[in-house]
């Protein structure tokens, strides 16, 4: 499945992933794709469908569809 992660300052990152991936591993893949100033995974918060994605759950836990958009917030 393809998911788009949108961050206002850093732009969009598109990831091809399995829906069986944990949210924590999803965050790690996102951070690995960032080109500049790589943040700590613990400082990344992801939101989809009005909910914050919890690290201990999986992508399929949130019933996300292919080509869904996830909003990223990065704490300083």
Protein backbone atom coordinates (compact mmCIF):
# COMPACT_ATOMS: atom_id res chain seq x y z
CA UNK A 1 0.00 0.00 0.00
CA UNK A 2 1.09 3.57 -0.64
CA UNK A 3 0.77 6.24 2.06
CA UNK A 4 1.61 9.93 1.78
CA UNK A 5 3.05 11.63 4.86
CA UNK A 6 2.51 15.39 4.81
CA UNK A 7 4.50 17.88 6.87
CA UNK A 8 3.88 21.60 6.37
CA UNK A 9 7.56 22.65 6.36
CA UNK A 10 9.19 19.51 4.93
CA UNK A 11 6.69 18.66 2.21
CA UNK A 12 5.28 15.26 1.27
CA UNK A 13 6.96 11.86 1.49
CA UNK A 14 5.39 8.88 -0.24
CA UNK A 15 6.10 5.43 1.22
CA UNK A 16 5.26 2.00 -0.20
CA UNK A 17 4.63 -0.18 2.86
CA UNK A 18 2.74 -3.21 4.15
CA UNK A 19 -0.36 -2.63 6.26
CA UNK A 20 1.17 -5.11 8.75
CA UNK A 21 3.92 -2.61 9.62
CA UNK A 22 3.90 -1.22 13.16
CA UNK A 23 3.41 2.52 13.56
CA UNK A 24 6.85 2.78 15.20
CA UNK A 25 8.49 1.11 12.17
CA UNK A 26 6.42 3.36 9.89
CA UNK A 27 7.83 6.40 11.72
CA UNK A 28 11.37 5.00 11.32
CA UNK A 29 10.86 4.62 7.56
CA UNK A 30 9.54 8.18 7.35
CA UNK A 31 12.52 9.60 9.25
CA UNK A 32 14.89 7.62 7.01
CA UNK A 33 13.34 9.28 3.92
CA UNK A 34 13.79 12.84 5.21
CA UNK A 35 16.68 14.54 3.47
CA UNK A 36 17.47 17.32 5.96
CA UNK A 37 17.87 17.60 9.72
CA UNK A 38 16.78 14.07 10.60
CA UNK A 39 14.72 14.19 13.80
CA UNK A 40 14.61 11.55 16.52
CA UNK A 41 11.78 9.05 15.93
CA UNK A 42 10.47 9.83 19.43
CA UNK A 43 9.82 13.43 18.36
CA UNK A 44 7.61 12.46 15.41
CA UNK A 45 3.83 12.39 15.86
CA UNK A 46 1.58 11.03 13.10
CA UNK A 47 -2.14 11.70 12.67
CA UNK A 48 -4.73 10.14 10.37
CA UNK A 49 -8.52 10.42 10.28
CA UNK A 50 -8.53 12.68 13.35
CA UNK A 51 -6.52 10.29 15.54
CA UNK A 52 -2.91 10.20 16.69
CA UNK A 53 -1.28 6.96 15.57
CA UNK A 54 0.05 5.00 18.56
CA UNK A 55 3.48 3.35 18.28
CA UNK A 56 2.33 -0.02 19.64
CA UNK A 57 -0.38 -0.51 16.98
CA UNK A 58 -0.15 -1.42 13.28
CA UNK A 59 -1.19 0.33 10.08
CA UNK A 60 -4.16 -2.04 9.66
CA UNK A 61 -5.42 -1.05 13.12
CA UNK A 62 -6.55 2.28 11.67
CA UNK A 63 -8.29 0.94 8.53
CA UNK A 64 -6.23 3.21 6.30
CA UNK A 65 -6.85 2.88 2.58
CA UNK A 66 -4.26 2.82 -0.18
CA UNK A 67 -3.06 6.35 -1.03
CA UNK A 68 -4.27 7.82 2.27
CA UNK A 69 -2.57 10.92 3.67
CA UNK A 70 -1.01 10.99 7.14
CA UNK A 71 -0.17 14.30 8.81
CA UNK A 72 3.23 14.54 10.53
CA UNK A 73 4.21 16.84 13.38
CA UNK A 74 7.80 16.98 14.59
CA UNK A 75 8.60 18.26 18.08
CA UNK A 76 11.72 20.37 18.46
